[in-house]
C-alpha atoms as a PDB file:
ATOM      1  CA  UNK A   1     -27.655  -1.378  22.859  1.00  0.00           C
ATOM      2  CA  UNK A   2     -30.405   1.105  21.156  1.00  0.00           C
ATOM      3  CA  UNK A   3     -29.837   1.567  17.390  1.00  0.00           C
ATOM      4  CA  UNK A   4     -29.022   4.998  16.408  1.00  0.00           C
ATOM      5  CA  UNK A   5     -32.736   5.827  14.922  1.00  0.00           C
ATOM      6  CA  UNK A   6     -33.958   4.644  18.123  1.00  0.00           C
ATOM      7  CA  UNK A   7     -31.800   6.837  20.126  1.00  0.00           C
ATOM      8  CA  UNK A   8     -32.783   9.648  17.346  1.00  0.00           C
ATOM      9  CA  UNK A   9     -36.349   9.222  18.212  1.00  0.00           C
ATOM     10  CA  UNK A  10     -35.971   9.259  21.683  1.00  0.00           C
ATOM     11  CA  UNK A  11     -34.122  11.993  22.173  1.00  0.00           C
ATOM     12  CA  UNK A  12     -36.490  13.881  19.564  1.00  0.00           C
ATOM     13  CA  UNK A  13     -39.389  13.021  21.956  1.00  0.00           C
ATOM     14  CA  UNK A  14     -37.440  14.211  24.704  1.00  0.00           C
ATOM     15  CA  UNK A  15     -36.752  17.851  23.129  1.00  0.00           C
ATOM     16  CA  UNK A  16     -40.389  18.289  21.995  1.00  0.00           C
ATOM     17  CA  UNK A  17     -41.173  18.311  26.081  1.00  0.00           C
ATOM     18  CA  UNK A  18     -38.991  21.658  26.682  1.00  0.00           C
ATOM     19  CA  UNK A  19     -40.618  24.853  27.098  1.00  0.00           C
ATOM     20  CA  UNK A  20     -39.841  27.723  25.114  1.00  0.00           C
ATOM     21  CA  UNK A  21     -38.155  29.665  28.478  1.00  0.00           C
ATOM     22  CA  UNK A  22     -35.886  26.241  28.924  1.00  0.00           C
ATOM     23  CA  UNK A  23     -34.722  26.310  24.939  1.00  0.00           C
ATOM     24  CA  UNK A  24     -34.024  30.170  24.866  1.00  0.00           C
ATOM     25  CA  UNK A  25     -31.975  29.944  28.501  1.00  0.00           C
ATOM     26  CA  UNK A  26     -29.981  26.775  26.930  1.00  0.00           C
ATOM     27  CA  UNK A  27     -29.284  28.919  23.759  1.00  0.00           C
ATOM     28  CA  UNK A  28     -27.889  31.796  25.813  1.00  0.00           C
ATOM     29  CA  UNK A  29     -25.690  29.376  28.060  1.00  0.00           C
ATOM     30  CA  UNK A  30     -24.599  27.498  24.952  1.00  0.00           C
ATOM     31  CA  UNK A  31     -23.583  30.939  23.387  1.00  0.00           C
ATOM     32  CA  UNK A  32     -21.587  31.840  26.647  1.00  0.00           C
ATOM     33  CA  UNK A  33     -19.635  28.839  26.831  1.00  0.00           C
ATOM     34  CA  UNK A  34     -19.393  28.143  23.167  1.00  0.00           C
ATOM     35  CA  UNK A  35     -17.786  31.695  22.933  1.00  0.00           C
ATOM     36  CA  UNK A  36     -15.551  31.012  25.667  1.00  0.00           C
ATOM     37  CA  UNK A  37     -14.412  27.579  23.762  1.00  0.00           C
ATOM     38  CA  UNK A  38     -13.829  29.748  20.644  1.00  0.00           C
ATOM     39  CA  UNK A  39     -11.683  31.925  22.230  1.00  0.00           C
ATOM     40  CA  UNK A  40      -9.558  29.012  24.026  1.00  0.00           C
ATOM     41  CA  UNK A  41      -9.260  27.353  20.648  1.00  0.00           C
ATOM     42  CA  UNK A  42      -7.934  30.150  19.128  1.00  0.00           C
ATOM     43  CA  UNK A  43      -6.470  33.128  20.549  1.00  0.00           C
ATOM     44  CA  UNK A  44      -6.929  35.170  17.650  1.00  0.00           C
ATOM     45  CA  UNK A  45      -9.652  37.808  17.665  1.00  0.00           C
ATOM     46  CA  UNK A  46     -10.583  37.583  13.668  1.00  0.00           C
ATOM     47  CA  UNK A  47     -10.713  33.627  13.552  1.00  0.00           C
ATOM     48  CA  UNK A  48     -13.186  31.568  11.422  1.00  0.00           C
ATOM     49  CA  UNK A  49     -15.457  29.139  13.026  1.00  0.00           C
ATOM     50  CA  UNK A  50     -17.977  26.901  11.217  1.00  0.00           C
ATOM     51  CA  UNK A  51     -21.316  26.424  13.031  1.00  0.00           C
ATOM     52  CA  UNK A  52     -24.973  25.358  11.935  1.00  0.00           C
ATOM     53  CA  UNK A  53     -28.293  27.198  12.885  1.00  0.00           C
ATOM     54  CA  UNK A  54     -30.513  25.404  15.696  1.00  0.00           C
ATOM     55  CA  UNK A  55     -34.033  24.849  14.453  1.00  0.00           C
ATOM     56  CA  UNK A  56     -37.188  23.685  16.155  1.00  0.00           C
ATOM     57  CA  UNK A  57     -36.562  21.899  19.316  1.00  0.00           C
ATOM     58  CA  UNK A  58     -32.514  21.694  18.839  1.00  0.00           C
ATOM     59  CA  UNK A  59     -30.328  23.587  21.109  1.00  0.00           C
ATOM     60  CA  UNK A  60     -30.659  27.429  19.484  1.00  0.00           C
ATOM     61  CA  UNK A  61     -27.138  28.453  18.216  1.00  0.00           C
ATOM     62  CA  UNK A  62     -28.116  31.416  16.649  1.00  0.00           C
ATOM     63  CA  UNK A  63     -27.226  33.292  20.174  1.00  0.00           C
ATOM     64  CA  UNK A  64     -23.889  31.488  19.245  1.00  0.00           C
ATOM     65  CA  UNK A  65     -23.413  32.585  15.816  1.00  0.00           C
ATOM     66  CA  UNK A  66     -23.955  36.599  17.050  1.00  0.00           C
ATOM     67  CA  UNK A  67     -21.610  36.000  20.136  1.00  0.00           C
ATOM     68  CA  UNK A  68     -19.199  34.703  17.639  1.00  0.00           C
ATOM     69  CA  UNK A  69     -19.849  37.645  15.266  1.00  0.00           C
ATOM     70  CA  UNK A  70     -19.544  40.233  18.070  1.00  0.00           C
ATOM     71  CA  UNK A  71     -16.209  39.118  19.210  1.00  0.00           C
ATOM     72  CA  UNK A  72     -14.542  39.806  16.108  1.00  0.00           C
ATOM     73  CA  UNK A  73     -14.960  36.470  14.329  1.00  0.00           C
ATOM     74  CA  UNK A  74     -15.992  35.070  11.412  1.00  0.00           C
ATOM     75  CA  UNK A  75     -18.782  32.540  11.108  1.00  0.00           C
ATOM     76  CA  UNK A  76     -19.291  29.990   8.267  1.00  0.00           C
ATOM     77  CA  UNK A  77     -22.757  28.456   7.743  1.00  0.00           C
ATOM     78  CA  UNK A  78     -23.760  25.111   6.008  1.00  0.00           C
ATOM     79  CA  UNK A  79     -26.000  24.908   2.672  1.00  0.00           C
ATOM     80  CA  UNK A  80     -26.979  21.206   1.864  1.00  0.00           C
ATOM     81  CA  UNK A  81     -25.768  20.034  -1.631  1.00  0.00           C
ATOM     82  CA  UNK A  82     -26.040  16.982  -3.982  1.00  0.00           C
ATOM     83  CA  UNK A  83     -24.744  14.010  -2.593  1.00  0.00           C
ATOM     84  CA  UNK A  84     -24.633  14.578   1.184  1.00  0.00           C
ATOM     85  CA  UNK A  85     -22.164  17.280   0.719  1.00  0.00           C
ATOM     86  CA  UNK A  86     -22.047  20.799   2.352  1.00  0.00           C
ATOM     87  CA  UNK A  87     -21.055  23.832   1.083  1.00  0.00           C
ATOM     88  CA  UNK A  88     -20.546  27.075   3.112  1.00  0.00           C
ATOM     89  CA  UNK A  89     -21.676  30.583   3.421  1.00  0.00           C
ATOM     90  CA  UNK A  90     -20.168  33.127   5.341  1.00  0.00           C
ATOM     91  CA  UNK A  91     -22.779  34.683   8.085  1.00  0.00           C
ATOM     92  CA  UNK A  92     -23.402  38.252   8.621  1.00  0.00           C
ATOM     93  CA  UNK A  93     -26.333  39.965  10.681  1.00  0.00           C
ATOM     94  CA  UNK A  94     -28.021  41.227   7.153  1.00  0.00           C
ATOM     95  CA  UNK A  95     -27.680  37.475   5.642  1.00  0.00           C
ATOM     96  CA  UNK A  96     -30.963  36.254   4.028  1.00  0.00           C
ATOM     97  CA  UNK A  97     -32.272  32.467   4.806  1.00  0.00           C
ATOM     98  CA  UNK A  98     -33.958  30.601   2.140  1.00  0.00           C
ATOM     99  CA  UNK A  99     -35.434  27.171   1.616  1.00  0.00           C
ATOM    100  CA  UNK A 100     -33.114  24.545   1.260  1.00  0.00           C
ATOM    101  CA  UNK A 101     -33.455  22.261  -1.776  1.00  0.00           C
ATOM    102  CA  UNK A 102     -32.246  19.079  -0.164  1.00  0.00           C
ATOM    103  CA  UNK A 103     -33.410  18.970   4.098  1.00  0.00           C
ATOM    104  CA  UNK A 104     -36.294  20.753   5.623  1.00  0.00           C
ATOM    105  CA  UNK A 105     -34.382  23.756   6.721  1.00  0.00           C
ATOM    106  CA  UNK A 106     -33.399  27.201   5.962  1.00  0.00           C
ATOM    107  CA  UNK A 107     -30.327  27.956   4.665  1.00  0.00           C
ATOM    108  CA  UNK A 108     -28.258  31.019   3.894  1.00  0.00           C
ATOM    109  CA  UNK A 109     -27.798  32.738   0.634  1.00  0.00           C
ATOM    110  CA  UNK A 110     -24.304  34.100  -0.498  1.00  0.00           C
ATOM    111  CA  UNK A 111     -21.387  32.850  -1.911  1.00  0.00           C
ATOM    112  CA  UNK A 112     -21.039  29.270  -1.759  1.00  0.00           C
ATOM    113  CA  UNK A 113     -17.565  27.811  -0.806  1.00  0.00           C
ATOM    114  CA  UNK A 114     -16.462  24.213  -1.008  1.00  0.00           C
ATOM    115  CA  UNK A 115     -16.000  22.787   2.483  1.00  0.00           C
ATOM    116  CA  UNK A 116     -12.343  22.787   2.194  1.00  0.00           C
ATOM    117  CA  UNK A 117     -12.462  26.389   3.760  1.00  0.00           C
ATOM    118  CA  UNK A 118     -13.711  24.604   6.681  1.00  0.00           C
ATOM    119  CA  UNK A 119     -10.285  22.965   6.707  1.00  0.00           C
ATOM    120  CA  UNK A 120      -8.949  26.551   7.566  1.00  0.00           C
ATOM    121  CA  UNK A 121     -10.935  27.477  10.433  1.00  0.00           C
ATOM    122  CA  UNK A 122     -10.366  27.451  13.984  1.00  0.00           C
ATOM    123  CA  UNK A 123     -13.379  25.274  14.847  1.00  0.00           C
ATOM    124  CA  UNK A 124     -16.443  23.537  13.907  1.00  0.00           C
ATOM    125  CA  UNK A 125     -19.441  23.075  16.242  1.00  0.00           C
ATOM    126  CA  UNK A 126     -21.445  20.071  15.335  1.00  0.00           C
ATOM    127  CA  UNK A 127     -25.101  19.437  15.333  1.00  0.00           C
ATOM    128  CA  UNK A 128     -26.048  16.188  17.588  1.00  0.00           C
ATOM    129  CA  UNK A 129     -28.938  14.666  18.818  1.00  0.00           C
ATOM    130  CA  UNK A 130     -27.120  12.852  21.560  1.00  0.00           C
ATOM    131  CA  UNK A 131     -23.640  11.977  22.280  1.00  0.00           C
ATOM    132  CA  UNK A 132     -22.151   9.498  24.392  1.00  0.00           C
ATOM    133  CA  UNK A 133     -18.962   9.731  26.508  1.00  0.00           C
ATOM    134  CA  UNK A 134     -16.585   7.619  24.005  1.00  0.00           C
ATOM    135  CA  UNK A 135     -17.470  10.801  21.485  1.00  0.00           C
ATOM    136  CA  UNK A 136     -19.498   8.661  19.261  1.00  0.00           C
ATOM    137  CA  UNK A 137     -22.668  11.109  18.039  1.00  0.00           C
ATOM    138  CA  UNK A 138     -25.817  10.936  16.505  1.00  0.00           C
ATOM    139  CA  UNK A 139     -26.801  13.568  13.971  1.00  0.00           C
ATOM    140  CA  UNK A 140     -29.805  14.151  12.369  1.00  0.00           C
ATOM    141  CA  UNK A 141     -29.580  11.426   9.958  1.00  0.00           C
ATOM    142  CA  UNK A 142     -28.223  12.622   6.658  1.00  0.00           C
ATOM    143  CA  UNK A 143     -24.613  11.950   7.090  1.00  0.00           C
ATOM    144  CA  UNK A 144     -23.593  15.154   5.837  1.00  0.00           C
ATOM    145  CA  UNK A 145     -20.993  16.155   8.975  1.00  0.00           C
ATOM    146  CA  UNK A 146     -19.593  12.426   8.536  1.00  0.00           C
ATOM    147  CA  UNK A 147     -18.907  12.778   4.734  1.00  0.00           C
ATOM    148  CA  UNK A 148     -17.336  16.550   5.822  1.00  0.00           C
ATOM    149  CA  UNK A 149     -14.875  14.922   8.570  1.00  0.00           C
ATOM    150  CA  UNK A 150     -13.933  11.928   6.416  1.00  0.00           C
ATOM    151  CA  UNK A 151     -12.909  14.478   3.786  1.00  0.00           C
ATOM    152  CA  UNK A 152     -11.031  16.548   6.573  1.00  0.00           C
ATOM    153  CA  UNK A 153      -9.298  13.854   8.160  1.00  0.00           C
ATOM    154  CA  UNK A 154      -8.190  12.485   4.843  1.00  0.00           C
ATOM    155  CA  UNK A 155      -6.517  15.587   4.256  1.00  0.00           C
ATOM    156  CA  UNK A 156      -4.676  15.995   7.539  1.00  0.00           C
ATOM    157  CA  UNK A 157      -6.699  19.466   8.344  1.00  0.00           C
ATOM    158  CA  UNK A 158      -9.285  18.313  10.391  1.00  0.00           C
ATOM    159  CA  UNK A 159      -9.694  21.600  13.041  1.00  0.00           C
ATOM    160  CA  UNK A 160     -10.981  20.778  16.512  1.00  0.00           C
ATOM    161  CA  UNK A 161     -14.718  19.684  16.546  1.00  0.00           C
ATOM    162  CA  UNK A 162     -17.143  19.987  19.396  1.00  0.00           C
ATOM    163  CA  UNK A 163     -20.934  18.791  19.024  1.00  0.00           C
ATOM    164  CA  UNK A 164     -23.830  20.717  20.625  1.00  0.00           C
ATOM    165  CA  UNK A 165     -26.411  19.265  22.816  1.00  0.00           C
ATOM    166  CA  UNK A 166     -28.406  19.737  25.685  1.00  0.00           C
ATOM    167  CA  UNK A 167     -27.328  18.474  29.076  1.00  0.00           C
ATOM    168  CA  UNK A 168     -29.871  14.984  28.769  1.00  0.00           C
ATOM    169  CA  UNK A 169     -28.294  14.071  25.198  1.00  0.00           C
ATOM    170  CA  UNK A 170     -25.067  13.423  26.761  1.00  0.00           C
ATOM    171  CA  UNK A 171     -25.587   9.364  27.105  1.00  0.00           C
ATOM    172  CA  UNK A 172     -23.246   6.890  28.893  1.00  0.00           C
ATOM    173  CA  UNK A 173     -20.093   5.056  27.773  1.00  0.00           C
ATOM    174  CA  UNK A 174     -20.996   2.614  24.964  1.00  0.00           C
ATOM    175  CA  UNK A 175     -24.685   3.803  24.481  1.00  0.00           C
ATOM    176  CA  UNK A 176     -24.581   4.520  20.444  1.00  0.00           C
ATOM    177  CA  UNK A 177     -23.031   2.218  18.230  1.00  0.00           C
ATOM    178  CA  UNK A 178     -20.064   3.011  16.231  1.00  0.00           C
ATOM    179  CA  UNK A 179     -19.989   2.518  12.598  1.00  0.00           C
ATOM    180  CA  UNK A 180     -17.067   2.623  10.237  1.00  0.00           C
ATOM    181  CA  UNK A 181     -17.611   5.625   8.514  1.00  0.00           C
ATOM    182  CA  UNK A 182     -18.629   7.524  11.931  1.00  0.00           C
ATOM    183  CA  UNK A 183     -15.921  10.587  13.167  1.00  0.00           C
ATOM    184  CA  UNK A 184     -16.186  10.634  16.893  1.00  0.00           C
ATOM    185  CA  UNK A 185     -15.878  14.265  18.915  1.00  0.00           C
ATOM    186  CA  UNK A 186     -13.495  14.689  21.831  1.00  0.00           C
ATOM    187  CA  UNK A 187     -15.625  17.902  23.121  1.00  0.00           C
ATOM    188  CA  UNK A 188     -19.344  18.276  23.961  1.00  0.00           C
ATOM    189  CA  UNK A 189     -20.586  21.686  24.255  1.00  0.00           C
ATOM    190  CA  UNK A 190     -23.844  22.035  26.921  1.00  0.00           C
ATOM    191  CA  UNK A 191     -25.723  24.455  28.777  1.00  0.00           C
ATOM    192  CA  UNK A 192     -23.776  23.436  31.799  1.00  0.00           C
ATOM    193  CA  UNK A 193     -20.478  23.999  29.724  1.00  0.00           C
ATOM    194  CA  UNK A 194     -17.759  22.506  27.659  1.00  0.00           C
ATOM    195  CA  UNK A 195     -16.979  18.530  28.689  1.00  0.00           C
ATOM    196  CA  UNK A 196     -13.762  17.708  27.100  1.00  0.00           C
ATOM    197  CA  UNK A 197     -13.474  13.401  26.922  1.00  0.00           C
ATOM    198  CA  UNK A 198     -10.505  13.688  29.117  1.00  0.00           C
ATOM    199  CA  UNK A 199     -12.905  14.416  31.732  1.00  0.00           C
ATOM    200  CA  UNK A 200     -12.337  17.628  32.565  1.00  0.00           C
ATOM    201  CA  UNK A 201     -15.248  20.113  32.218  1.00  0.00           C
ATOM    202  CA  UNK A 202     -15.294  24.150  31.916  1.00  0.00           C
ATOM    203  CA  UNK A 203     -17.960  26.279  33.083  1.00  0.00           C
ATOM    204  CA  UNK A 204     -17.574  29.689  32.042  1.00  0.00           C
END
């Protein structure tokens, strides 16, 4: 079995082969399927969802963020804090982004809220470089989201979680080594649709 770092490196190399047109098309499809997942997760038209901003060759999520906002939902975006913790800022179309002090990404400016705010959300869209059919996930290597989910699980307040990847980032059962601190996901969002690990697939 390959290590997480080997898998992460391999998927990043593959993602760099994608054309701008392929990346843009993936973003549009993820927005469509992700908005449908949000509607099925919460019938309320004013629910809150935690999302992240896909950068570089990651699956684009800004179309999803905008689509959720247009559907009447509130969107929380993460901010990296010391100790590999996350705080959260509500996004609006006027939100300004600044360079993170702790990661090579841009983050939203605004009032920073503790991660407890995510416990009251209707769902969490999570970054990943790969996910296998057991729900094991390879993130970006920072451990921020595993720590987030550990805290939510400990409080018994974990909302539905869905990992966002390209279709080729979905790997067979047993591909990703599971470690004690890992928190598997049960749903996966790709440009082709939403895969539930009970074997069903939703294509909007």
